[in-house]
Full PDB file with SEQRES, HELIX, SHEET, SSBOND, CRYST1, ORIGX, SCALE, CONECT and MASTER records, all heavy atoms in Angstrom:
SEQRES   1 A   39  ILE LEU ALA ALA GLY ALA GLY THR ARG LEU ASP PRO LEU          
SEQRES   2 A   39  THR LEU GLN LEU PRO LYS PRO LEU VAL PRO ILE VAL ASN          
SEQRES   3 A   39  ARG PRO VAL LEU GLU HIS THR LEU ASP LEU LEU LYS LYS          
HELIX    1 AA1 THR A    8  LEU A   10  5                                   3    
HELIX    2 AA2 LEU A   13  LEU A   15  5                                   3    
HELIX    3 AA3 LYS A   19  LEU A   21  5                                   3    
HELIX    4 AA4 VAL A   29  LYS A   38  1                                  10    
SHEET    1 AA1 2 PRO A  23  ILE A  24  0                                        
SHEET    2 AA1 2 ARG A  27  PRO A  28 -1                                        
CRYST1    1.000    1.000    1.000  90.00  90.00  90.00 P 1           1          
ORIGX1      1.000000  0.000000  0.000000        0.00000                         
ORIGX2      0.000000  1.000000  0.000000        0.00000                         
ORIGX3      0.000000  0.000000  1.000000        0.00000                         
SCALE1      1.000000  0.000000  0.000000        0.00000                         
SCALE2      0.000000  1.000000  0.000000        0.00000                         
SCALE3      0.000000  0.000000  1.000000        0.00000                         
ATOM      1  N   ILE A   1     -10.671  11.554   4.073  1.00  0.00           N  
ATOM      2  CA  ILE A   1      -9.903  10.320   4.195  1.00  0.00           C  
ATOM      3  C   ILE A   1      -9.841   9.940   5.669  1.00  0.00           C  
ATOM      4  O   ILE A   1      -9.418  10.727   6.503  1.00  0.00           O  
ATOM      5  CB  ILE A   1      -8.472  10.501   3.638  1.00  0.00           C  
ATOM      6  CG1 ILE A   1      -8.529  10.839   2.153  1.00  0.00           C  
ATOM      7  CG2 ILE A   1      -7.650   9.248   3.884  1.00  0.00           C  
ATOM      8  CD1 ILE A   1      -7.188  11.176   1.561  1.00  0.00           C  
ATOM      9  N   LEU A   2     -10.276   8.739   5.963  1.00  0.00           N  
ATOM     10  CA  LEU A   2     -10.242   8.244   7.336  1.00  0.00           C  
ATOM     11  C   LEU A   2      -8.909   7.557   7.552  1.00  0.00           C  
ATOM     12  O   LEU A   2      -8.695   6.431   7.118  1.00  0.00           O  
ATOM     13  CB  LEU A   2     -11.414   7.291   7.580  1.00  0.00           C  
ATOM     14  CG  LEU A   2     -12.795   7.878   7.287  1.00  0.00           C  
ATOM     15  CD1 LEU A   2     -13.874   6.822   7.474  1.00  0.00           C  
ATOM     16  CD2 LEU A   2     -13.060   9.092   8.155  1.00  0.00           C  
ATOM     17  N   ALA A   3      -7.992   8.259   8.198  1.00  0.00           N  
ATOM     18  CA  ALA A   3      -6.620   7.773   8.349  1.00  0.00           C  
ATOM     19  C   ALA A   3      -6.187   7.770   9.809  1.00  0.00           C  
ATOM     20  O   ALA A   3      -5.026   8.020  10.110  1.00  0.00           O  
ATOM     21  CB  ALA A   3      -5.691   8.648   7.511  1.00  0.00           C  
ATOM     22  N   ALA A   4      -7.099   7.471  10.711  1.00  0.00           N  
ATOM     23  CA  ALA A   4      -6.796   7.599  12.129  1.00  0.00           C  
ATOM     24  C   ALA A   4      -6.443   6.286  12.814  1.00  0.00           C  
ATOM     25  O   ALA A   4      -6.067   6.288  13.971  1.00  0.00           O  
ATOM     26  CB  ALA A   4      -7.985   8.240  12.847  1.00  0.00           C  
ATOM     27  N   GLY A   5      -6.526   5.187  12.111  1.00  0.00           N  
ATOM     28  CA  GLY A   5      -6.272   3.894  12.746  1.00  0.00           C  
ATOM     29  C   GLY A   5      -4.816   3.698  13.133  1.00  0.00           C  
ATOM     30  O   GLY A   5      -3.912   4.265  12.531  1.00  0.00           O  
ATOM     31  N   ALA A   6      -4.610   2.882  14.122  1.00  0.00           N  
ATOM     32  CA  ALA A   6      -3.252   2.605  14.594  1.00  0.00           C  
ATOM     33  C   ALA A   6      -2.557   1.546  13.753  1.00  0.00           C  
ATOM     34  O   ALA A   6      -1.349   1.366  13.849  1.00  0.00           O  
ATOM     35  CB  ALA A   6      -3.283   2.160  16.053  1.00  0.00           C  
ATOM     36  N   GLY A   7      -3.291   0.826  12.927  1.00  0.00           N  
ATOM     37  CA  GLY A   7      -2.690  -0.181  12.068  1.00  0.00           C  
ATOM     38  C   GLY A   7      -2.115  -1.357  12.827  1.00  0.00           C  
ATOM     39  O   GLY A   7      -1.069  -1.874  12.471  1.00  0.00           O  
ATOM     40  N   THR A   8      -2.808  -1.806  13.864  1.00  0.00           N  
ATOM     41  CA  THR A   8      -2.276  -2.864  14.726  1.00  0.00           C  
ATOM     42  C   THR A   8      -2.085  -4.185  13.991  1.00  0.00           C  
ATOM     43  O   THR A   8      -1.233  -4.976  14.366  1.00  0.00           O  
ATOM     44  CB  THR A   8      -3.187  -3.090  15.944  1.00  0.00           C  
ATOM     45  OG1 THR A   8      -4.519  -3.374  15.486  1.00  0.00           O  
ATOM     46  CG2 THR A   8      -3.205  -1.866  16.844  1.00  0.00           C  
ATOM     47  N   ARG A   9      -2.847  -4.430  12.935  1.00  0.00           N  
ATOM     48  CA  ARG A   9      -2.669  -5.673  12.189  1.00  0.00           C  
ATOM     49  C   ARG A   9      -1.390  -5.662  11.356  1.00  0.00           C  
ATOM     50  O   ARG A   9      -0.979  -6.689  10.841  1.00  0.00           O  
ATOM     51  CB  ARG A   9      -3.882  -5.942  11.304  1.00  0.00           C  
ATOM     52  CG  ARG A   9      -5.118  -6.320  12.116  1.00  0.00           C  
ATOM     53  CD  ARG A   9      -6.269  -6.604  11.209  1.00  0.00           C  
ATOM     54  NE  ARG A   9      -6.675  -5.379  10.531  1.00  0.00           N  
ATOM     55  CZ  ARG A   9      -7.896  -4.898  10.511  1.00  0.00           C  
ATOM     56  NH1 ARG A   9      -8.847  -5.543  11.143  1.00  0.00           N  
ATOM     57  NH2 ARG A   9      -8.175  -3.794   9.879  1.00  0.00           N  
ATOM     58  N   LEU A  10      -0.775  -4.487  11.226  1.00  0.00           N  
ATOM     59  CA  LEU A  10       0.482  -4.386  10.491  1.00  0.00           C  
ATOM     60  C   LEU A  10       1.694  -4.291  11.415  1.00  0.00           C  
ATOM     61  O   LEU A  10       2.797  -3.976  10.960  1.00  0.00           O  
ATOM     62  CB  LEU A  10       0.449  -3.155   9.571  1.00  0.00           C  
ATOM     63  CG  LEU A  10      -0.566  -3.184   8.441  1.00  0.00           C  
ATOM     64  CD1 LEU A  10      -0.541  -1.865   7.692  1.00  0.00           C  
ATOM     65  CD2 LEU A  10      -0.306  -4.335   7.509  1.00  0.00           C  
ATOM     66  N   ASP A  11       1.485  -4.550  12.716  1.00  0.00           N  
ATOM     67  CA  ASP A  11       2.614  -4.561  13.654  1.00  0.00           C  
ATOM     68  C   ASP A  11       3.645  -5.570  13.182  1.00  0.00           C  
ATOM     69  O   ASP A  11       3.277  -6.607  12.643  1.00  0.00           O  
ATOM     70  CB  ASP A  11       2.144  -4.945  15.061  1.00  0.00           C  
ATOM     71  CG  ASP A  11       1.571  -3.779  15.833  1.00  0.00           C  
ATOM     72  OD1 ASP A  11       1.676  -2.654  15.374  1.00  0.00           O  
ATOM     73  OD2 ASP A  11       1.010  -4.030  16.917  1.00  0.00           O  
ATOM     74  N   PRO A  12       4.898  -5.316  13.354  1.00  0.00           N  
ATOM     75  CA  PRO A  12       5.557  -4.202  14.024  1.00  0.00           C  
ATOM     76  C   PRO A  12       5.817  -3.004  13.112  1.00  0.00           C  
ATOM     77  O   PRO A  12       6.345  -1.989  13.543  1.00  0.00           O  
ATOM     78  CB  PRO A  12       6.874  -4.812  14.491  1.00  0.00           C  
ATOM     79  CG  PRO A  12       7.198  -5.805  13.435  1.00  0.00           C  
ATOM     80  CD  PRO A  12       5.854  -6.356  12.994  1.00  0.00           C  
ATOM     81  N   LEU A  13       5.419  -3.107  11.845  1.00  0.00           N  
ATOM     82  CA  LEU A  13       5.668  -2.034  10.883  1.00  0.00           C  
ATOM     83  C   LEU A  13       5.068  -0.703  11.319  1.00  0.00           C  
ATOM     84  O   LEU A  13       5.679   0.348  11.160  1.00  0.00           O  
ATOM     85  CB  LEU A  13       5.102  -2.433   9.516  1.00  0.00           C  
ATOM     86  CG  LEU A  13       5.311  -1.487   8.354  1.00  0.00           C  
ATOM     87  CD1 LEU A  13       6.789  -1.312   8.070  1.00  0.00           C  
ATOM     88  CD2 LEU A  13       4.595  -2.009   7.127  1.00  0.00           C  
ATOM     89  N   THR A  14       3.888  -0.734  11.913  1.00  0.00           N  
ATOM     90  CA  THR A  14       3.189   0.504  12.256  1.00  0.00           C  
ATOM     91  C   THR A  14       3.429   0.987  13.679  1.00  0.00           C  
ATOM     92  O   THR A  14       2.751   1.904  14.132  1.00  0.00           O  
ATOM     93  CB  THR A  14       1.675   0.333  12.026  1.00  0.00           C  
ATOM     94  OG1 THR A  14       1.229  -0.822  12.723  1.00  0.00           O  
ATOM     95  CG2 THR A  14       1.364   0.210  10.548  1.00  0.00           C  
ATOM     96  N   LEU A  15       4.386   0.400  14.367  1.00  0.00           N  
ATOM     97  CA  LEU A  15       4.700   0.909  15.702  1.00  0.00           C  
ATOM     98  C   LEU A  15       5.331   2.293  15.620  1.00  0.00           C  
ATOM     99  O   LEU A  15       5.101   3.144  16.479  1.00  0.00           O  
ATOM    100  CB  LEU A  15       5.637  -0.060  16.443  1.00  0.00           C  
ATOM    101  CG  LEU A  15       5.036  -1.398  16.842  1.00  0.00           C  
ATOM    102  CD1 LEU A  15       6.093  -2.293  17.459  1.00  0.00           C  
ATOM    103  CD2 LEU A  15       3.865  -1.196  17.781  1.00  0.00           C  
ATOM    104  N   GLN A  16       6.128   2.540  14.589  1.00  0.00           N  
ATOM    105  CA  GLN A  16       6.791   3.831  14.434  1.00  0.00           C  
ATOM    106  C   GLN A  16       6.445   4.521  13.124  1.00  0.00           C  
ATOM    107  O   GLN A  16       6.973   5.594  12.830  1.00  0.00           O  
ATOM    108  CB  GLN A  16       8.301   3.653  14.536  1.00  0.00           C  
ATOM    109  CG  GLN A  16       8.728   3.147  15.886  1.00  0.00           C  
ATOM    110  CD  GLN A  16      10.227   2.949  15.971  1.00  0.00           C  
ATOM    111  OE1 GLN A  16      10.949   3.070  15.004  1.00  0.00           O  
ATOM    112  NE2 GLN A  16      10.688   2.654  17.174  1.00  0.00           N  
ATOM    113  N   LEU A  17       5.557   3.933  12.334  1.00  0.00           N  
ATOM    114  CA  LEU A  17       5.159   4.487  11.055  1.00  0.00           C  
ATOM    115  C   LEU A  17       3.648   4.413  10.948  1.00  0.00           C  
ATOM    116  O   LEU A  17       3.079   3.320  11.063  1.00  0.00           O  
ATOM    117  CB  LEU A  17       5.798   3.678   9.918  1.00  0.00           C  
ATOM    118  CG  LEU A  17       5.560   4.143   8.502  1.00  0.00           C  
ATOM    119  CD1 LEU A  17       6.314   5.453   8.250  1.00  0.00           C  
ATOM    120  CD2 LEU A  17       6.025   3.086   7.518  1.00  0.00           C  
ATOM    121  N   PRO A  18       2.960   5.536  10.738  1.00  0.00           N  
ATOM    122  CA  PRO A  18       1.499   5.474  10.632  1.00  0.00           C  
ATOM    123  C   PRO A  18       1.082   4.739   9.354  1.00  0.00           C  
ATOM    124  O   PRO A  18       1.778   4.785   8.337  1.00  0.00           O  
ATOM    125  CB  PRO A  18       1.072   6.939  10.597  1.00  0.00           C  
ATOM    126  CG  PRO A  18       2.276   7.692  10.174  1.00  0.00           C  
ATOM    127  CD  PRO A  18       3.460   6.899  10.605  1.00  0.00           C  
ATOM    128  N   LYS A  19      -0.042   4.074   9.429  1.00  0.00           N  
ATOM    129  CA  LYS A  19      -0.521   3.263   8.310  1.00  0.00           C  
ATOM    130  C   LYS A  19      -0.602   4.039   6.990  1.00  0.00           C  
ATOM    131  O   LYS A  19      -0.242   3.490   5.948  1.00  0.00           O  
ATOM    132  CB  LYS A  19      -1.878   2.664   8.681  1.00  0.00           C  
ATOM    133  CG  LYS A  19      -2.388   1.643   7.708  1.00  0.00           C  
ATOM    134  CD  LYS A  19      -3.563   0.850   8.239  1.00  0.00           C  
ATOM    135  CE  LYS A  19      -4.646   1.729   8.789  1.00  0.00           C  
ATOM    136  NZ  LYS A  19      -5.844   0.989   9.199  1.00  0.00           N  
ATOM    137  N   PRO A  20      -1.018   5.304   6.966  1.00  0.00           N  
ATOM    138  CA  PRO A  20      -1.061   6.035   5.692  1.00  0.00           C  
ATOM    139  C   PRO A  20       0.311   6.247   5.051  1.00  0.00           C  
ATOM    140  O   PRO A  20       0.391   6.556   3.867  1.00  0.00           O  
ATOM    141  CB  PRO A  20      -1.686   7.381   6.071  1.00  0.00           C  
ATOM    142  CG  PRO A  20      -2.472   7.102   7.295  1.00  0.00           C  
ATOM    143  CD  PRO A  20      -1.685   6.065   8.034  1.00  0.00           C  
ATOM    144  N   LEU A  21       1.385   6.079   5.800  1.00  0.00           N  
ATOM    145  CA  LEU A  21       2.726   6.236   5.252  1.00  0.00           C  
ATOM    146  C   LEU A  21       3.397   4.908   4.906  1.00  0.00           C  
ATOM    147  O   LEU A  21       4.544   4.898   4.455  1.00  0.00           O  
ATOM    148  CB  LEU A  21       3.616   7.028   6.215  1.00  0.00           C  
ATOM    149  CG  LEU A  21       3.265   8.497   6.406  1.00  0.00           C  
ATOM    150  CD1 LEU A  21       4.283   9.173   7.312  1.00  0.00           C  
ATOM    151  CD2 LEU A  21       3.167   9.231   5.075  1.00  0.00           C  
ATOM    152  N   VAL A  22       2.689   3.807   5.081  1.00  0.00           N  
ATOM    153  CA  VAL A  22       3.243   2.507   4.708  1.00  0.00           C  
ATOM    154  C   VAL A  22       3.455   2.515   3.192  1.00  0.00           C  
ATOM    155  O   VAL A  22       2.544   2.840   2.430  1.00  0.00           O  
ATOM    156  CB  VAL A  22       2.310   1.359   5.132  1.00  0.00           C  
ATOM    157  CG1 VAL A  22       2.745   0.036   4.534  1.00  0.00           C  
ATOM    158  CG2 VAL A  22       2.244   1.265   6.645  1.00  0.00           C  
ATOM    159  N   PRO A  23       4.666   2.186   2.750  1.00  0.00           N  
ATOM    160  CA  PRO A  23       4.946   2.261   1.315  1.00  0.00           C  
ATOM    161  C   PRO A  23       4.350   1.104   0.518  1.00  0.00           C  
ATOM    162  O   PRO A  23       4.387  -0.044   0.941  1.00  0.00           O  
ATOM    163  CB  PRO A  23       6.470   2.229   1.253  1.00  0.00           C  
ATOM    164  CG  PRO A  23       6.898   1.570   2.510  1.00  0.00           C  
ATOM    165  CD  PRO A  23       5.847   1.868   3.534  1.00  0.00           C  
ATOM    166  N   ILE A  24       3.796   1.469  -0.615  1.00  0.00           N  
ATOM    167  CA  ILE A  24       3.345   0.512  -1.617  1.00  0.00           C  
ATOM    168  C   ILE A  24       3.947   0.995  -2.931  1.00  0.00           C  
ATOM    169  O   ILE A  24       3.696   2.138  -3.344  1.00  0.00           O  
ATOM    170  CB  ILE A  24       1.805   0.444  -1.699  1.00  0.00           C  
ATOM    171  CG1 ILE A  24       1.246  -0.069  -0.380  1.00  0.00           C  
ATOM    172  CG2 ILE A  24       1.370  -0.431  -2.863  1.00  0.00           C  
ATOM    173  CD1 ILE A  24      -0.255  -0.135  -0.317  1.00  0.00           C  
ATOM    174  N   VAL A  25       4.739   0.183  -3.561  1.00  0.00           N  
ATOM    175  CA  VAL A  25       5.466   0.546  -4.786  1.00  0.00           C  
ATOM    176  C   VAL A  25       6.263   1.834  -4.540  1.00  0.00           C  
ATOM    177  O   VAL A  25       6.192   2.799  -5.302  1.00  0.00           O  
ATOM    178  CB  VAL A  25       4.526   0.676  -5.998  1.00  0.00           C  
ATOM    179  CG1 VAL A  25       5.320   0.777  -7.293  1.00  0.00           C  
ATOM    180  CG2 VAL A  25       3.543  -0.471  -6.086  1.00  0.00           C  
ATOM    181  N   ASN A  26       6.991   1.852  -3.437  1.00  0.00           N  
ATOM    182  CA  ASN A  26       7.913   2.937  -3.067  1.00  0.00           C  
ATOM    183  C   ASN A  26       7.253   4.286  -2.796  1.00  0.00           C  
ATOM    184  O   ASN A  26       7.942   5.305  -2.783  1.00  0.00           O  
ATOM    185  CB  ASN A  26       9.012   3.100  -4.128  1.00  0.00           C  
ATOM    186  CG  ASN A  26       9.846   1.857  -4.263  1.00  0.00           C  
ATOM    187  OD1 ASN A  26      10.176   1.216  -3.273  1.00  0.00           O  
ATOM    188  ND2 ASN A  26      10.164   1.488  -5.486  1.00  0.00           N  
ATOM    189  N   ARG A  27       5.964   4.322  -2.589  1.00  0.00           N  
ATOM    190  CA  ARG A  27       5.258   5.557  -2.239  1.00  0.00           C  
ATOM    191  C   ARG A  27       4.246   5.247  -1.143  1.00  0.00           C  
ATOM    192  O   ARG A  27       3.626   4.185  -1.166  1.00  0.00           O  
ATOM    193  CB  ARG A  27       4.518   6.133  -3.450  1.00  0.00           C  
ATOM    194  CG  ARG A  27       5.450   6.693  -4.490  1.00  0.00           C  
ATOM    195  CD  ARG A  27       4.748   7.198  -5.730  1.00  0.00           C  
ATOM    196  NE  ARG A  27       3.581   7.999  -5.425  1.00  0.00           N  
ATOM    197  CZ  ARG A  27       2.455   7.956  -6.165  1.00  0.00           C  
ATOM    198  NH1 ARG A  27       2.359   7.166  -7.193  1.00  0.00           N  
ATOM    199  NH2 ARG A  27       1.441   8.729  -5.850  1.00  0.00           N  
ATOM    200  N   PRO A  28       4.042   6.181  -0.209  1.00  0.00           N  
ATOM    201  CA  PRO A  28       3.052   5.940   0.843  1.00  0.00           C  
ATOM    202  C   PRO A  28       1.656   5.733   0.260  1.00  0.00           C  
ATOM    203  O   PRO A  28       1.279   6.355  -0.737  1.00  0.00           O  
ATOM    204  CB  PRO A  28       3.094   7.215   1.682  1.00  0.00           C  
ATOM    205  CG  PRO A  28       4.419   7.813   1.409  1.00  0.00           C  
ATOM    206  CD  PRO A  28       4.742   7.451  -0.009  1.00  0.00           C  
ATOM    207  N   VAL A  29       0.904   4.875   0.897  1.00  0.00           N  
ATOM    208  CA  VAL A  29      -0.452   4.576   0.436  1.00  0.00           C  
ATOM    209  C   VAL A  29      -1.302   5.854   0.357  1.00  0.00           C  
ATOM    210  O   VAL A  29      -2.149   5.989  -0.534  1.00  0.00           O  
ATOM    211  CB  VAL A  29      -1.112   3.493   1.322  1.00  0.00           C  
ATOM    212  CG1 VAL A  29      -1.388   3.995   2.714  1.00  0.00           C  
ATOM    213  CG2 VAL A  29      -2.369   2.967   0.674  1.00  0.00           C  
ATOM    214  N   LEU A  30      -1.062   6.808   1.235  1.00  0.00           N  
ATOM    215  CA  LEU A  30      -1.829   8.053   1.208  1.00  0.00           C  
ATOM    216  C   LEU A  30      -1.550   8.855  -0.066  1.00  0.00           C  
ATOM    217  O   LEU A  30      -2.441   9.500  -0.600  1.00  0.00           O  
ATOM    218  CB  LEU A  30      -1.540   8.895   2.456  1.00  0.00           C  
ATOM    219  CG  LEU A  30      -2.383  10.145   2.641  1.00  0.00           C  
ATOM    220  CD1 LEU A  30      -3.873   9.842   2.616  1.00  0.00           C  
ATOM    221  CD2 LEU A  30      -2.033  10.845   3.941  1.00  0.00           C  
ATOM    222  N   GLU A  31      -0.342   8.794  -0.574  1.00  0.00           N  
ATOM    223  CA  GLU A  31      -0.030   9.469  -1.839  1.00  0.00           C  
ATOM    224  C   GLU A  31      -0.820   8.853  -2.987  1.00  0.00           C  
ATOM    225  O   GLU A  31      -1.346   9.557  -3.845  1.00  0.00           O  
ATOM    226  CB  GLU A  31       1.462   9.372  -2.145  1.00  0.00           C  
ATOM    227  CG  GLU A  31       2.209  10.633  -1.879  1.00  0.00           C  
ATOM    228  CD  GLU A  31       3.630  10.578  -2.415  1.00  0.00           C  
ATOM    229  OE1 GLU A  31       3.811  10.655  -3.641  1.00  0.00           O  
ATOM    230  OE2 GLU A  31       4.543  10.447  -1.588  1.00  0.00           O  
ATOM    231  N   HIS A  32      -0.904   7.541  -3.010  1.00  0.00           N  
ATOM    232  CA  HIS A  32      -1.692   6.860  -4.042  1.00  0.00           C  
ATOM    233  C   HIS A  32      -3.159   7.278  -3.949  1.00  0.00           C  
ATOM    234  O   HIS A  32      -3.808   7.530  -4.968  1.00  0.00           O  
ATOM    235  CB  HIS A  32      -1.581   5.336  -3.895  1.00  0.00           C  
ATOM    236  CG  HIS A  32      -0.236   4.791  -4.217  1.00  0.00           C  
ATOM    237  ND1 HIS A  32       0.249   4.687  -5.499  1.00  0.00           N  
ATOM    238  CD2 HIS A  32       0.743   4.319  -3.407  1.00  0.00           C  
ATOM    239  CE1 HIS A  32       1.463   4.163  -5.481  1.00  0.00           C  
ATOM    240  NE2 HIS A  32       1.786   3.933  -4.217  1.00  0.00           N  
ATOM    241  N   THR A  33      -3.667   7.353  -2.732  1.00  0.00           N  
ATOM    242  CA  THR A  33      -5.062   7.747  -2.523  1.00  0.00           C  
ATOM    243  C   THR A  33      -5.305   9.167  -3.017  1.00  0.00           C  
ATOM    244  O   THR A  33      -6.301   9.433  -3.705  1.00  0.00           O  
ATOM    245  CB  THR A  33      -5.429   7.628  -1.030  1.00  0.00           C  
ATOM    246  OG1 THR A  33      -5.180   6.291  -0.601  1.00  0.00           O  
ATOM    247  CG2 THR A  33      -6.880   7.984  -0.787  1.00  0.00           C  
ATOM    248  N   LEU A  34      -4.410  10.086  -2.691  1.00  0.00           N  
ATOM    249  CA  LEU A  34      -4.561  11.475  -3.143  1.00  0.00           C  
ATOM    250  C   LEU A  34      -4.496  11.577  -4.663  1.00  0.00           C  
ATOM    251  O   LEU A  34      -5.255  12.344  -5.276  1.00  0.00           O  
ATOM    252  CB  LEU A  34      -3.495  12.354  -2.499  1.00  0.00           C  
ATOM    253  CG  LEU A  34      -3.658  12.579  -0.998  1.00  0.00           C  
ATOM    254  CD1 LEU A  34      -2.438  13.303  -0.440  1.00  0.00           C  
ATOM    255  CD2 LEU A  34      -4.930  13.332  -0.690  1.00  0.00           C  
ATOM    256  N   ASP A  35      -3.629  10.799  -5.281  1.00  0.00           N  
ATOM    257  CA  ASP A  35      -3.552  10.800  -6.743  1.00  0.00           C  
ATOM    258  C   ASP A  35      -4.862  10.336  -7.372  1.00  0.00           C  
ATOM    259  O   ASP A  35      -5.332  10.907  -8.355  1.00  0.00           O  
ATOM    260  CB  ASP A  35      -2.413   9.904  -7.227  1.00  0.00           C  
ATOM    261  CG  ASP A  35      -1.041  10.493  -7.001  1.00  0.00           C  
ATOM    262  OD1 ASP A  35      -0.954  11.719  -6.703  1.00  0.00           O  
ATOM    263  OD2 ASP A  35      -0.053   9.749  -7.096  1.00  0.00           O  
ATOM    264  N   LEU A  36      -5.454   9.289  -6.805  1.00  0.00           N  
ATOM    265  CA  LEU A  36      -6.727   8.794  -7.328  1.00  0.00           C  
ATOM    266  C   LEU A  36      -7.852   9.812  -7.149  1.00  0.00           C  
ATOM    267  O   LEU A  36      -8.673  10.007  -8.045  1.00  0.00           O  
ATOM    268  CB  LEU A  36      -7.110   7.480  -6.640  1.00  0.00           C  
ATOM    269  CG  LEU A  36      -6.381   6.244  -7.142  1.00  0.00           C  
ATOM    270  CD1 LEU A  36      -6.667   5.057  -6.232  1.00  0.00           C  
ATOM    271  CD2 LEU A  36      -6.791   5.934  -8.567  1.00  0.00           C  
ATOM    272  N   LEU A  37      -7.873  10.462  -5.992  1.00  0.00           N  
ATOM    273  CA  LEU A  37      -8.900  11.477  -5.764  1.00  0.00           C  
ATOM    274  C   LEU A  37      -8.761  12.624  -6.757  1.00  0.00           C  
ATOM    275  O   LEU A  37      -9.742  13.100  -7.315  1.00  0.00           O  
ATOM    276  CB  LEU A  37      -8.827  11.996  -4.323  1.00  0.00           C  
ATOM    277  CG  LEU A  37      -9.280  11.000  -3.257  1.00  0.00           C  
ATOM    278  CD1 LEU A  37      -8.937  11.529  -1.870  1.00  0.00           C  
ATOM    279  CD2 LEU A  37     -10.761  10.717  -3.381  1.00  0.00           C  
ATOM    280  N   LYS A  38      -7.538  13.053  -7.001  1.00  0.00           N  
ATOM    281  CA  LYS A  38      -7.284  14.123  -7.965  1.00  0.00           C  
ATOM    282  C   LYS A  38      -7.722  13.689  -9.363  1.00  0.00           C  
ATOM    283  O   LYS A  38      -8.380  14.442 -10.084  1.00  0.00           O  
ATOM    284  CB  LYS A  38      -5.804  14.490  -7.951  1.00  0.00           C  
ATOM    285  CG  LYS A  38      -5.451  15.655  -8.839  1.00  0.00           C  
ATOM    286  CD  LYS A  38      -3.979  15.999  -8.693  1.00  0.00           C  
ATOM    287  CE  LYS A  38      -3.612  17.208  -9.532  1.00  0.00           C  
ATOM    288  NZ  LYS A  38      -2.193  17.585  -9.349  1.00  0.00           N  
ATOM    289  N   LYS A  39      -7.374  12.472  -9.735  1.00  0.00           N  
ATOM    290  CA  LYS A  39      -7.728  11.940 -11.053  1.00  0.00           C  
ATOM    291  C   LYS A  39      -9.239  11.916 -11.271  1.00  0.00           C  
ATOM    292  O   LYS A  39      -9.722  12.114 -12.381  1.00  0.00           O  
ATOM    293  CB  LYS A  39      -7.155  10.526 -11.192  1.00  0.00           C  
ATOM    294  CG  LYS A  39      -7.509   9.825 -12.467  1.00  0.00           C  
ATOM    295  CD  LYS A  39      -6.939   8.426 -12.494  1.00  0.00           C  
ATOM    296  CE  LYS A  39      -7.438   7.663 -13.698  1.00  0.00           C  
ATOM    297  NZ  LYS A  39      -6.998   6.267 -13.685  1.00  0.00           N  
TER     298      LYS A  39                                                      
MASTER        0    0    0    4    2    0    0    6  297    1    0    3          
END                                                                             
């Protein structure tokens, strides 16, 4: 998983929160990605 970006297009949200932890439907996007990979 390439999760190294600073997420500058999501500023100011990503100034203190890394992009993989941005919530989508109350869960970080990285959790959704891991669930799909497992599936």
